[in-house]
PDB file of all heavy atoms in Angstrom:
ATOM      1  N   LYS A   1     -13.326   1.677  -2.243  1.00  0.00           N
ATOM      2  CA  LYS A   1     -13.327   0.643  -3.290  1.00  0.00           C
ATOM      3  C   LYS A   1     -12.489   1.100  -4.479  1.00  0.00           C
ATOM      4  O   LYS A   1     -11.654   0.339  -4.998  1.00  0.00           O
ATOM      5  CB  LYS A   1     -14.756   0.347  -3.736  1.00  0.00           C
ATOM      6  CG  LYS A   1     -14.834  -0.642  -4.899  1.00  0.00           C
ATOM      7  CD  LYS A   1     -16.271  -0.923  -5.307  1.00  0.00           C
ATOM      8  CE  LYS A   1     -16.329  -1.916  -6.462  1.00  0.00           C
ATOM      9  NZ  LYS A   1     -17.723  -2.258  -6.844  1.00  0.00           N
ATOM     10  N   ALA A   2     -12.691   2.337  -4.907  1.00  0.00           N
ATOM     11  CA  ALA A   2     -11.945   2.855  -6.055  1.00  0.00           C
ATOM     12  C   ALA A   2     -10.448   2.872  -5.769  1.00  0.00           C
ATOM     13  O   ALA A   2      -9.631   2.518  -6.629  1.00  0.00           O
ATOM     14  CB  ALA A   2     -12.435   4.268  -6.396  1.00  0.00           C
ATOM     15  N   LEU A   3     -10.078   3.254  -4.564  1.00  0.00           N
ATOM     16  CA  LEU A   3      -8.661   3.304  -4.203  1.00  0.00           C
ATOM     17  C   LEU A   3      -8.063   1.906  -4.130  1.00  0.00           C
ATOM     18  O   LEU A   3      -6.936   1.673  -4.592  1.00  0.00           O
ATOM     19  CB  LEU A   3      -8.491   4.018  -2.854  1.00  0.00           C
ATOM     20  CG  LEU A   3      -7.060   4.230  -2.362  1.00  0.00           C
ATOM     21  CD1 LEU A   3      -6.252   5.054  -3.371  1.00  0.00           C
ATOM     22  CD2 LEU A   3      -7.059   4.913  -1.002  1.00  0.00           C
ATOM     23  N   MET A   4      -8.816   0.949  -3.584  1.00  0.00           N
ATOM     24  CA  MET A   4      -8.343  -0.437  -3.523  1.00  0.00           C
ATOM     25  C   MET A   4      -8.084  -0.986  -4.916  1.00  0.00           C
ATOM     26  O   MET A   4      -7.043  -1.586  -5.188  1.00  0.00           O
ATOM     27  CB  MET A   4      -9.370  -1.319  -2.804  1.00  0.00           C
ATOM     28  CG  MET A   4      -9.403  -1.182  -1.305  1.00  0.00           C
ATOM     29  SD  MET A   4     -10.665  -2.263  -0.573  1.00  0.00           S
ATOM     30  CE  MET A   4     -10.028  -3.887  -1.015  1.00  0.00           C
ATOM     31  N   LEU A   5      -9.061  -0.790  -5.813  1.00  0.00           N
ATOM     32  CA  LEU A   5      -8.932  -1.334  -7.163  1.00  0.00           C
ATOM     33  C   LEU A   5      -7.769  -0.695  -7.912  1.00  0.00           C
ATOM     34  O   LEU A   5      -7.028  -1.367  -8.643  1.00  0.00           O
ATOM     35  CB  LEU A   5     -10.237  -1.132  -7.939  1.00  0.00           C
ATOM     36  CG  LEU A   5     -11.416  -1.987  -7.477  1.00  0.00           C
ATOM     37  CD1 LEU A   5     -12.679  -1.611  -8.240  1.00  0.00           C
ATOM     38  CD2 LEU A   5     -11.117  -3.476  -7.663  1.00  0.00           C
ATOM     39  N   LYS A   6      -7.580   0.607  -7.731  1.00  0.00           N
ATOM     40  CA  LYS A   6      -6.472   1.283  -8.417  1.00  0.00           C
ATOM     41  C   LYS A   6      -5.133   0.789  -7.866  1.00  0.00           C
ATOM     42  O   LYS A   6      -4.186   0.535  -8.619  1.00  0.00           O
ATOM     43  CB  LYS A   6      -6.604   2.798  -8.232  1.00  0.00           C
ATOM     44  CG  LYS A   6      -5.563   3.618  -9.005  1.00  0.00           C
ATOM     45  CD  LYS A   6      -5.704   3.413 -10.513  1.00  0.00           C
ATOM     46  CE  LYS A   6      -4.714   4.268 -11.310  1.00  0.00           C
ATOM     47  NZ  LYS A   6      -5.041   5.705 -11.274  1.00  0.00           N
ATOM     48  N   THR A   7      -5.064   0.622  -6.559  1.00  0.00           N
ATOM     49  CA  THR A   7      -3.822   0.184  -5.932  1.00  0.00           C
ATOM     50  C   THR A   7      -3.437  -1.223  -6.372  1.00  0.00           C
ATOM     51  O   THR A   7      -2.259  -1.531  -6.565  1.00  0.00           O
ATOM     52  CB  THR A   7      -3.958   0.220  -4.397  1.00  0.00           C
ATOM     53  OG1 THR A   7      -4.348   1.536  -4.000  1.00  0.00           O
ATOM     54  CG2 THR A   7      -2.647  -0.143  -3.726  1.00  0.00           C
ATOM     55  N   LEU A   8      -4.440  -2.096  -6.546  1.00  0.00           N
ATOM     56  CA  LEU A   8      -4.182  -3.480  -6.932  1.00  0.00           C
ATOM     57  C   LEU A   8      -4.085  -3.669  -8.445  1.00  0.00           C
ATOM     58  O   LEU A   8      -3.923  -4.784  -8.921  1.00  0.00           O
ATOM     59  CB  LEU A   8      -5.274  -4.392  -6.361  1.00  0.00           C
ATOM     60  CG  LEU A   8      -5.314  -4.490  -4.830  1.00  0.00           C
ATOM     61  CD1 LEU A   8      -6.574  -5.211  -4.379  1.00  0.00           C
ATOM     62  CD2 LEU A   8      -4.076  -5.203  -4.298  1.00  0.00           C
ATOM     63  N   SER A   9      -4.198  -2.575  -9.195  1.00  0.00           N
ATOM     64  CA  SER A   9      -4.145  -2.667 -10.656  1.00  0.00           C
ATOM     65  C   SER A   9      -2.708  -2.819 -11.135  1.00  0.00           C
ATOM     66  O   SER A   9      -1.749  -2.462 -10.448  1.00  0.00           O
ATOM     67  CB  SER A   9      -4.758  -1.409 -11.292  1.00  0.00           C
ATOM     68  OG  SER A   9      -3.924  -0.285 -11.053  1.00  0.00           O
ATOM     69  N   LYS A  10      -2.551  -3.348 -12.356  1.00  0.00           N
ATOM     70  CA  LYS A  10      -1.223  -3.498 -12.941  1.00  0.00           C
ATOM     71  C   LYS A  10      -0.553  -2.151 -13.127  1.00  0.00           C
ATOM     72  O   LYS A  10       0.678  -2.030 -13.051  1.00  0.00           O
ATOM     73  CB  LYS A  10      -1.325  -4.220 -14.289  1.00  0.00           C
ATOM     74  CG  LYS A  10      -1.691  -5.692 -14.185  1.00  0.00           C
ATOM     75  CD  LYS A  10      -1.729  -6.348 -15.553  1.00  0.00           C
ATOM     76  CE  LYS A  10      -2.078  -7.832 -15.428  1.00  0.00           C
ATOM     77  NZ  LYS A  10      -2.140  -8.488 -16.769  1.00  0.00           N
ATOM     78  N   ASP A  11      -1.352  -1.112 -13.363  1.00  0.00           N
ATOM     79  CA  ASP A  11      -0.819   0.231 -13.559  1.00  0.00           C
ATOM     80  C   ASP A  11       0.004   0.685 -12.362  1.00  0.00           C
ATOM     81  O   ASP A  11       0.973   1.436 -12.511  1.00  0.00           O
ATOM     82  CB  ASP A  11      -1.976   1.210 -13.797  1.00  0.00           C
ATOM     83  CG  ASP A  11      -1.498   2.639 -13.985  1.00  0.00           C
ATOM     84  OD1 ASP A  11      -0.615   2.846 -14.842  1.00  0.00           O
ATOM     85  OD2 ASP A  11      -2.001   3.542 -13.280  1.00  0.00           O
ATOM     86  N   VAL A  12      -0.371   0.231 -11.172  1.00  0.00           N
ATOM     87  CA  VAL A  12       0.364   0.607  -9.960  1.00  0.00           C
ATOM     88  C   VAL A  12       1.366  -0.469  -9.559  1.00  0.00           C
ATOM     89  O   VAL A  12       2.528  -0.182  -9.283  1.00  0.00           O
ATOM     90  CB  VAL A  12      -0.614   0.886  -8.793  1.00  0.00           C
ATOM     91  CG1 VAL A  12       0.150   1.125  -7.490  1.00  0.00           C
ATOM     92  CG2 VAL A  12      -1.492   2.091  -9.118  1.00  0.00           C
ATOM     93  N   LEU A  13       0.920  -1.729  -9.539  1.00  0.00           N
ATOM     94  CA  LEU A  13       1.785  -2.809  -9.060  1.00  0.00           C
ATOM     95  C   LEU A  13       3.020  -3.014  -9.926  1.00  0.00           C
ATOM     96  O   LEU A  13       4.046  -3.497  -9.446  1.00  0.00           O
ATOM     97  CB  LEU A  13       0.990  -4.112  -8.968  1.00  0.00           C
ATOM     98  CG  LEU A  13      -0.095  -4.161  -7.885  1.00  0.00           C
ATOM     99  CD1 LEU A  13      -0.807  -5.507  -7.917  1.00  0.00           C
ATOM    100  CD2 LEU A  13       0.488  -3.913  -6.503  1.00  0.00           C
ATOM    101  N   THR A  14       2.929  -2.669 -11.226  1.00  0.00           N
ATOM    102  CA  THR A  14       4.077  -2.853 -12.113  1.00  0.00           C
ATOM    103  C   THR A  14       4.833  -1.555 -12.371  1.00  0.00           C
ATOM    104  O   THR A  14       5.734  -1.518 -13.206  1.00  0.00           O
ATOM    105  CB  THR A  14       3.627  -3.447 -13.469  1.00  0.00           C
ATOM    106  OG1 THR A  14       2.692  -2.554 -14.093  1.00  0.00           O
ATOM    107  CG2 THR A  14       2.972  -4.806 -13.268  1.00  0.00           C
ATOM    108  N   ASN A  15       4.454  -0.494 -11.673  1.00  0.00           N
ATOM    109  CA  ASN A  15       5.127   0.795 -11.817  1.00  0.00           C
ATOM    110  C   ASN A  15       5.900   1.086 -10.538  1.00  0.00           C
ATOM    111  O   ASN A  15       5.308   1.451  -9.517  1.00  0.00           O
ATOM    112  CB  ASN A  15       4.099   1.902 -12.084  1.00  0.00           C
ATOM    113  CG  ASN A  15       4.756   3.242 -12.376  1.00  0.00           C
ATOM    114  OD1 ASN A  15       5.716   3.636 -11.726  1.00  0.00           O
ATOM    115  ND2 ASN A  15       4.199   3.960 -13.336  1.00  0.00           N
ATOM    116  N   PRO A  16       7.218   0.898 -10.534  1.00  0.00           N
ATOM    117  CA  PRO A  16       7.999   1.045  -9.307  1.00  0.00           C
ATOM    118  C   PRO A  16       7.830   2.396  -8.620  1.00  0.00           C
ATOM    119  O   PRO A  16       7.778   2.475  -7.397  1.00  0.00           O
ATOM    120  CB  PRO A  16       9.446   0.844  -9.778  1.00  0.00           C
ATOM    121  CG  PRO A  16       9.328   0.062 -11.040  1.00  0.00           C
ATOM    122  CD  PRO A  16       8.058   0.511 -11.691  1.00  0.00           C
ATOM    123  N   ILE A  17       7.727   3.475  -9.411  1.00  0.00           N
ATOM    124  CA  ILE A  17       7.610   4.810  -8.831  1.00  0.00           C
ATOM    125  C   ILE A  17       6.252   4.975  -8.143  1.00  0.00           C
ATOM    126  O   ILE A  17       6.166   5.432  -6.997  1.00  0.00           O
ATOM    127  CB  ILE A  17       7.799   5.904  -9.903  1.00  0.00           C
ATOM    128  CG1 ILE A  17       9.172   5.760 -10.570  1.00  0.00           C
ATOM    129  CG2 ILE A  17       7.645   7.283  -9.269  1.00  0.00           C
ATOM    130  CD1 ILE A  17      10.337   5.876  -9.617  1.00  0.00           C
ATOM    131  N   LYS A  18       5.174   4.599  -8.831  1.00  0.00           N
ATOM    132  CA  LYS A  18       3.839   4.726  -8.235  1.00  0.00           C
ATOM    133  C   LYS A  18       3.702   3.853  -6.998  1.00  0.00           C
ATOM    134  O   LYS A  18       3.109   4.266  -5.989  1.00  0.00           O
ATOM    135  CB  LYS A  18       2.756   4.347  -9.260  1.00  0.00           C
ATOM    136  CG  LYS A  18       2.453   5.421 -10.289  1.00  0.00           C
ATOM    137  CD  LYS A  18       1.251   5.032 -11.140  1.00  0.00           C
ATOM    138  CE  LYS A  18       0.917   6.132 -12.147  1.00  0.00           C
ATOM    139  NZ  LYS A  18      -0.263   5.766 -12.987  1.00  0.00           N
ATOM    140  N   LEU A  19       4.237   2.629  -7.096  1.00  0.00           N
ATOM    141  CA  LEU A  19       4.111   1.717  -5.961  1.00  0.00           C
ATOM    142  C   LEU A  19       4.889   2.250  -4.759  1.00  0.00           C
ATOM    143  O   LEU A  19       4.406   2.195  -3.621  1.00  0.00           O
ATOM    144  CB  LEU A  19       4.631   0.331  -6.348  1.00  0.00           C
ATOM    145  CG  LEU A  19       4.438  -0.767  -5.291  1.00  0.00           C
ATOM    146  CD1 LEU A  19       2.980  -0.896  -4.897  1.00  0.00           C
ATOM    147  CD2 LEU A  19       4.959  -2.101  -5.816  1.00  0.00           C
ATOM    148  N   LYS A  20       6.066   2.806  -5.003  1.00  0.00           N
ATOM    149  CA  LYS A  20       6.850   3.386  -3.911  1.00  0.00           C
ATOM    150  C   LYS A  20       6.133   4.587  -3.309  1.00  0.00           C
ATOM    151  O   LYS A  20       6.029   4.729  -2.083  1.00  0.00           O
ATOM    152  CB  LYS A  20       8.239   3.788  -4.428  1.00  0.00           C
ATOM    153  CG  LYS A  20       9.210   4.254  -3.345  1.00  0.00           C
ATOM    154  CD  LYS A  20       9.115   5.728  -3.003  1.00  0.00           C
ATOM    155  CE  LYS A  20       9.558   6.608  -4.163  1.00  0.00           C
ATOM    156  NZ  LYS A  20       9.510   8.076  -3.783  1.00  0.00           N
ATOM    157  N   ASP A  21       5.605   5.479  -4.180  1.00  0.00           N
ATOM    158  CA  ASP A  21       4.910   6.672  -3.694  1.00  0.00           C
ATOM    159  C   ASP A  21       3.665   6.306  -2.890  1.00  0.00           C
ATOM    160  O   ASP A  21       3.371   6.905  -1.856  1.00  0.00           O
ATOM    161  CB  ASP A  21       4.519   7.578  -4.867  1.00  0.00           C
ATOM    162  CG  ASP A  21       5.724   8.262  -5.502  1.00  0.00           C
ATOM    163  OD1 ASP A  21       6.808   8.239  -4.876  1.00  0.00           O
ATOM    164  OD2 ASP A  21       5.579   8.802  -6.606  1.00  0.00           O
ATOM    165  N   PHE A  22       2.917   5.300  -3.390  1.00  0.00           N
ATOM    166  CA  PHE A  22       1.716   4.877  -2.667  1.00  0.00           C
ATOM    167  C   PHE A  22       2.094   4.273  -1.318  1.00  0.00           C
ATOM    168  O   PHE A  22       1.462   4.561  -0.292  1.00  0.00           O
ATOM    169  CB  PHE A  22       0.912   3.857  -3.475  1.00  0.00           C
ATOM    170  CG  PHE A  22      -0.261   3.312  -2.711  1.00  0.00           C
ATOM    171  CD1 PHE A  22      -1.444   4.027  -2.628  1.00  0.00           C
ATOM    172  CD2 PHE A  22      -0.178   2.100  -2.043  1.00  0.00           C
ATOM    173  CE1 PHE A  22      -2.517   3.550  -1.891  1.00  0.00           C
ATOM    174  CE2 PHE A  22      -1.236   1.605  -1.310  1.00  0.00           C
ATOM    175  CZ  PHE A  22      -2.418   2.339  -1.235  1.00  0.00           C
ATOM    176  N   THR A  23       3.108   3.408  -1.321  1.00  0.00           N
ATOM    177  CA  THR A  23       3.536   2.775  -0.076  1.00  0.00           C
ATOM    178  C   THR A  23       3.928   3.820   0.952  1.00  0.00           C
ATOM    179  O   THR A  23       3.575   3.733   2.131  1.00  0.00           O
ATOM    180  CB  THR A  23       4.720   1.823  -0.345  1.00  0.00           C
ATOM    181  OG1 THR A  23       4.319   0.830  -1.290  1.00  0.00           O
ATOM    182  CG2 THR A  23       5.172   1.138   0.933  1.00  0.00           C
ATOM    183  N   GLU A  24       4.639   4.844   0.487  1.00  0.00           N
ATOM    184  CA  GLU A  24       5.080   5.905   1.391  1.00  0.00           C
ATOM    185  C   GLU A  24       3.880   6.692   1.919  1.00  0.00           C
ATOM    186  O   GLU A  24       3.773   6.975   3.120  1.00  0.00           O
ATOM    187  CB  GLU A  24       6.040   6.831   0.656  1.00  0.00           C
ATOM    188  CG  GLU A  24       7.067   7.498   1.537  1.00  0.00           C
ATOM    189  CD  GLU A  24       8.341   7.812   0.777  1.00  0.00           C
ATOM    190  OE1 GLU A  24       8.257   8.133  -0.434  1.00  0.00           O
ATOM    191  OE2 GLU A  24       9.407   7.722   1.389  1.00  0.00           O
ATOM    192  N   ALA A  25       2.956   7.040   1.017  1.00  0.00           N
ATOM    193  CA  ALA A  25       1.780   7.821   1.428  1.00  0.00           C
ATOM    194  C   ALA A  25       0.886   7.030   2.374  1.00  0.00           C
ATOM    195  O   ALA A  25       0.363   7.562   3.353  1.00  0.00           O
ATOM    196  CB  ALA A  25       0.985   8.246   0.186  1.00  0.00           C
ATOM    197  N   ALA A  26       0.715   5.742   2.072  1.00  0.00           N
ATOM    198  CA  ALA A  26      -0.178   4.910   2.875  1.00  0.00           C
ATOM    199  C   ALA A  26       0.365   4.671   4.270  1.00  0.00           C
ATOM    200  O   ALA A  26      -0.387   4.638   5.253  1.00  0.00           O
ATOM    201  CB  ALA A  26      -0.415   3.576   2.172  1.00  0.00           C
ATOM    202  N   THR A  27       1.677   4.512   4.380  1.00  0.00           N
ATOM    203  CA  THR A  27       2.248   4.134   5.670  1.00  0.00           C
ATOM    204  C   THR A  27       2.619   5.325   6.543  1.00  0.00           C
ATOM    205  O   THR A  27       2.720   5.190   7.762  1.00  0.00           O
ATOM    206  CB  THR A  27       3.495   3.254   5.467  1.00  0.00           C
ATOM    207  OG1 THR A  27       4.443   3.937   4.633  1.00  0.00           O
ATOM    208  CG2 THR A  27       3.112   1.937   4.807  1.00  0.00           C
ATOM    209  N   THR A  28       2.810   6.488   5.934  1.00  0.00           N
ATOM    210  CA  THR A  28       3.183   7.669   6.720  1.00  0.00           C
ATOM    211  C   THR A  28       2.083   8.051   7.706  1.00  0.00           C
ATOM    212  O   THR A  28       2.347   8.533   8.801  1.00  0.00           O
ATOM    213  CB  THR A  28       3.487   8.865   5.787  1.00  0.00           C
ATOM    214  OG1 THR A  28       4.589   8.525   4.949  1.00  0.00           O
ATOM    215  CG2 THR A  28       3.834  10.105   6.587  1.00  0.00           C
ATOM    216  N   ASN A  29       0.827   7.828   7.318  1.00  0.00           N
ATOM    217  CA  ASN A  29      -0.309   8.220   8.154  1.00  0.00           C
ATOM    218  C   ASN A  29      -1.041   7.012   8.736  1.00  0.00           C
ATOM    219  O   ASN A  29      -2.237   7.086   9.017  1.00  0.00           O
ATOM    220  CB  ASN A  29      -1.300   9.055   7.335  1.00  0.00           C
ATOM    221  CG  ASN A  29      -0.716  10.357   6.860  1.00  0.00           C
ATOM    222  OD1 ASN A  29      -0.664  11.329   7.600  1.00  0.00           O
ATOM    223  ND2 ASN A  29      -0.237  10.379   5.621  1.00  0.00           N
ATOM    224  N   LEU A  30      -0.324   5.912   8.891  1.00  0.00           N
ATOM    225  CA  LEU A  30      -0.981   4.667   9.299  1.00  0.00           C
ATOM    226  C   LEU A  30      -0.492   4.202  10.667  1.00  0.00           C
ATOM    227  O   LEU A  30       0.700   4.135  10.930  1.00  0.00           O
ATOM    228  CB  LEU A  30      -0.699   3.579   8.261  1.00  0.00           C
ATOM    229  CG  LEU A  30      -1.303   2.196   8.528  1.00  0.00           C
ATOM    230  CD1 LEU A  30      -2.833   2.244   8.504  1.00  0.00           C
ATOM    231  CD2 LEU A  30      -0.799   1.191   7.495  1.00  0.00           C
ATOM    232  N   THR A  31      -1.461   3.883  11.531  1.00  0.00           N
ATOM    233  CA  THR A  31      -1.165   3.256  12.822  1.00  0.00           C
ATOM    234  C   THR A  31      -1.956   1.960  12.890  1.00  0.00           C
ATOM    235  O   THR A  31      -3.163   1.957  12.606  1.00  0.00           O
ATOM    236  CB  THR A  31      -1.564   4.166  13.998  1.00  0.00           C
ATOM    237  OG1 THR A  31      -0.872   5.415  13.889  1.00  0.00           O
ATOM    238  CG2 THR A  31      -1.222   3.516  15.330  1.00  0.00           C
ATOM    239  N   VAL A  32      -1.304   0.871  13.238  1.00  0.00           N
ATOM    240  CA  VAL A  32      -1.973  -0.428  13.292  1.00  0.00           C
ATOM    241  C   VAL A  32      -1.861  -1.012  14.695  1.00  0.00           C
ATOM    242  O   VAL A  32      -1.089  -0.539  15.530  1.00  0.00           O
ATOM    243  CB  VAL A  32      -1.391  -1.414  12.245  1.00  0.00           C
ATOM    244  CG1 VAL A  32      -1.573  -0.867  10.839  1.00  0.00           C
ATOM    245  CG2 VAL A  32       0.084  -1.696  12.528  1.00  0.00           C
ATOM    246  N   ASP A  33      -2.626  -2.070  14.929  1.00  0.00           N
ATOM    247  CA  ASP A  33      -2.639  -2.680  16.250  1.00  0.00           C
ATOM    248  C   ASP A  33      -1.345  -3.426  16.539  1.00  0.00           C
ATOM    249  O   ASP A  33      -0.513  -3.641  15.655  1.00  0.00           O
ATOM    250  CB  ASP A  33      -3.839  -3.629  16.389  1.00  0.00           C
ATOM    251  CG  ASP A  33      -3.740  -4.814  15.446  1.00  0.00           C
ATOM    252  OD1 ASP A  33      -3.047  -5.792  15.791  1.00  0.00           O
ATOM    253  OD2 ASP A  33      -4.353  -4.781  14.353  1.00  0.00           O
ATOM    254  N   GLN A  34      -1.221  -3.835  17.777  1.00  0.00           N
ATOM    255  CA  GLN A  34       0.009  -4.454  18.261  1.00  0.00           C
ATOM    256  C   GLN A  34       0.289  -5.825  17.661  1.00  0.00           C
ATOM    257  O   GLN A  34       1.407  -6.348  17.771  1.00  0.00           O
ATOM    258  CB  GLN A  34      -0.033  -4.574  19.796  1.00  0.00           C
ATOM    259  CG  GLN A  34      -1.133  -5.474  20.353  1.00  0.00           C
ATOM    260  CD  GLN A  34      -2.458  -4.767  20.616  1.00  0.00           C
ATOM    261  OE1 GLN A  34      -2.779  -3.784  19.944  1.00  0.00           O
ATOM    262  NE2 GLN A  34      -3.213  -5.250  21.597  1.00  0.00           N
ATOM    263  N   LYS A  35      -0.698  -6.421  16.969  1.00  0.00           N
ATOM    264  CA  LYS A  35      -0.518  -7.760  16.407  1.00  0.00           C
ATOM    265  C   LYS A  35      -0.321  -7.763  14.883  1.00  0.00           C
ATOM    266  O   LYS A  35      -0.011  -8.798  14.303  1.00  0.00           O
ATOM    267  CB  LYS A  35      -1.728  -8.635  16.741  1.00  0.00           C
ATOM    268  CG  LYS A  35      -1.930  -8.883  18.225  1.00  0.00           C
ATOM    269  CD  LYS A  35      -3.153  -9.754  18.458  1.00  0.00           C
ATOM    270  CE  LYS A  35      -3.384 -10.016  19.932  1.00  0.00           C
ATOM    271  NZ  LYS A  35      -4.593 -10.843  20.158  1.00  0.00           N
ATOM    272  N   LEU A  36      -0.538  -6.622  14.260  1.00  0.00           N
ATOM    273  CA  LEU A  36      -0.479  -6.559  12.794  1.00  0.00           C
ATOM    274  C   LEU A  36       0.923  -6.145  12.358  1.00  0.00           C
ATOM    275  O   LEU A  36       1.279  -4.965  12.382  1.00  0.00           O
ATOM    276  CB  LEU A  36      -1.514  -5.568  12.259  1.00  0.00           C
ATOM    277  CG  LEU A  36      -1.679  -5.484  10.738  1.00  0.00           C
ATOM    278  CD1 LEU A  36      -1.966  -6.846  10.131  1.00  0.00           C
ATOM    279  CD2 LEU A  36      -2.782  -4.495  10.375  1.00  0.00           C
ATOM    280  N   ASP A  37       1.728  -7.126  11.940  1.00  0.00           N
ATOM    281  CA  ASP A  37       3.093  -6.827  11.527  1.00  0.00           C
ATOM    282  C   ASP A  37       3.184  -6.673  10.013  1.00  0.00           C
ATOM    283  O   ASP A  37       2.237  -6.930   9.275  1.00  0.00           O
ATOM    284  CB  ASP A  37       4.068  -7.897  12.025  1.00  0.00           C
ATOM    285  CG  ASP A  37       3.705  -9.298  11.565  1.00  0.00           C
ATOM    286  OD1 ASP A  37       3.155  -9.447  10.453  1.00  0.00           O
ATOM    287  OD2 ASP A  37       3.965 -10.255  12.317  1.00  0.00           O
ATOM    288  N   VAL A  38       4.355  -6.247   9.560  1.00  0.00           N
ATOM    289  CA  VAL A  38       4.567  -5.980   8.135  1.00  0.00           C
ATOM    290  C   VAL A  38       4.387  -7.243   7.303  1.00  0.00           C
ATOM    291  O   VAL A  38       3.815  -7.216   6.211  1.00  0.00           O
ATOM    292  CB  VAL A  38       5.967  -5.378   7.919  1.00  0.00           C
ATOM    293  CG1 VAL A  38       6.279  -5.262   6.428  1.00  0.00           C
ATOM    294  CG2 VAL A  38       6.060  -4.011   8.570  1.00  0.00           C
ATOM    295  N   GLY A  39       4.866  -8.374   7.802  1.00  0.00           N
ATOM    296  CA  GLY A  39       4.737  -9.630   7.063  1.00  0.00           C
ATOM    297  C   GLY A  39       3.285  -9.999   6.819  1.00  0.00           C
ATOM    298  O   GLY A  39       2.916 -10.438   5.720  1.00  0.00           O
ATOM    299  N   THR A  40       2.445  -9.810   7.831  1.00  0.00           N
ATOM    300  CA  THR A  40       1.015 -10.108   7.676  1.00  0.00           C
ATOM    301  C   THR A  40       0.379  -9.194   6.647  1.00  0.00           C
ATOM    302  O   THR A  40      -0.405  -9.639   5.804  1.00  0.00           O
ATOM    303  CB  THR A  40       0.292  -9.955   9.031  1.00  0.00           C
ATOM    304  OG1 THR A  40       0.891 -10.843   9.980  1.00  0.00           O
ATOM    305  CG2 THR A  40      -1.182 -10.283   8.896  1.00  0.00           C
ATOM    306  N   MET A  41       0.711  -7.907   6.698  1.00  0.00           N
ATOM    307  CA  MET A  41       0.156  -6.953   5.731  1.00  0.00           C
ATOM    308  C   MET A  41       0.566  -7.315   4.310  1.00  0.00           C
ATOM    309  O   MET A  41      -0.253  -7.274   3.383  1.00  0.00           O
ATOM    310  CB  MET A  41       0.612  -5.536   6.076  1.00  0.00           C
ATOM    311  CG  MET A  41      -0.040  -4.954   7.320  1.00  0.00           C
ATOM    312  SD  MET A  41       0.347  -3.203   7.574  1.00  0.00           S
ATOM    313  CE  MET A  41       1.994  -3.332   8.278  1.00  0.00           C
ATOM    314  N   ARG A  42       1.830  -7.673   4.142  1.00  0.00           N
ATOM    315  CA  ARG A  42       2.321  -8.031   2.810  1.00  0.00           C
ATOM    316  C   ARG A  42       1.624  -9.286   2.295  1.00  0.00           C
ATOM    317  O   ARG A  42       1.191  -9.341   1.131  1.00  0.00           O
ATOM    318  CB  ARG A  42       3.837  -8.238   2.856  1.00  0.00           C
ATOM    319  CG  ARG A  42       4.449  -8.570   1.511  1.00  0.00           C
ATOM    320  CD  ARG A  42       5.977  -8.552   1.564  1.00  0.00           C
ATOM    321  NE  ARG A  42       6.498  -9.423   2.606  1.00  0.00           N
ATOM    322  CZ  ARG A  42       7.208  -8.999   3.650  1.00  0.00           C
ATOM    323  NH1 ARG A  42       7.459  -7.713   3.808  1.00  0.00           N
ATOM    324  NH2 ARG A  42       7.660  -9.851   4.553  1.00  0.00           N
TER     325      ARG A  42
END
């Protein structure tokens, strides 16, 4: 919950560096099912 709220906060969403770093960290260790594409996640 804490991570979700921080990620969706203006502090992260409006900070290009933090948003890029989070996106990289989140996706480097992420495996999703065969039906979950990038467009759906976005």
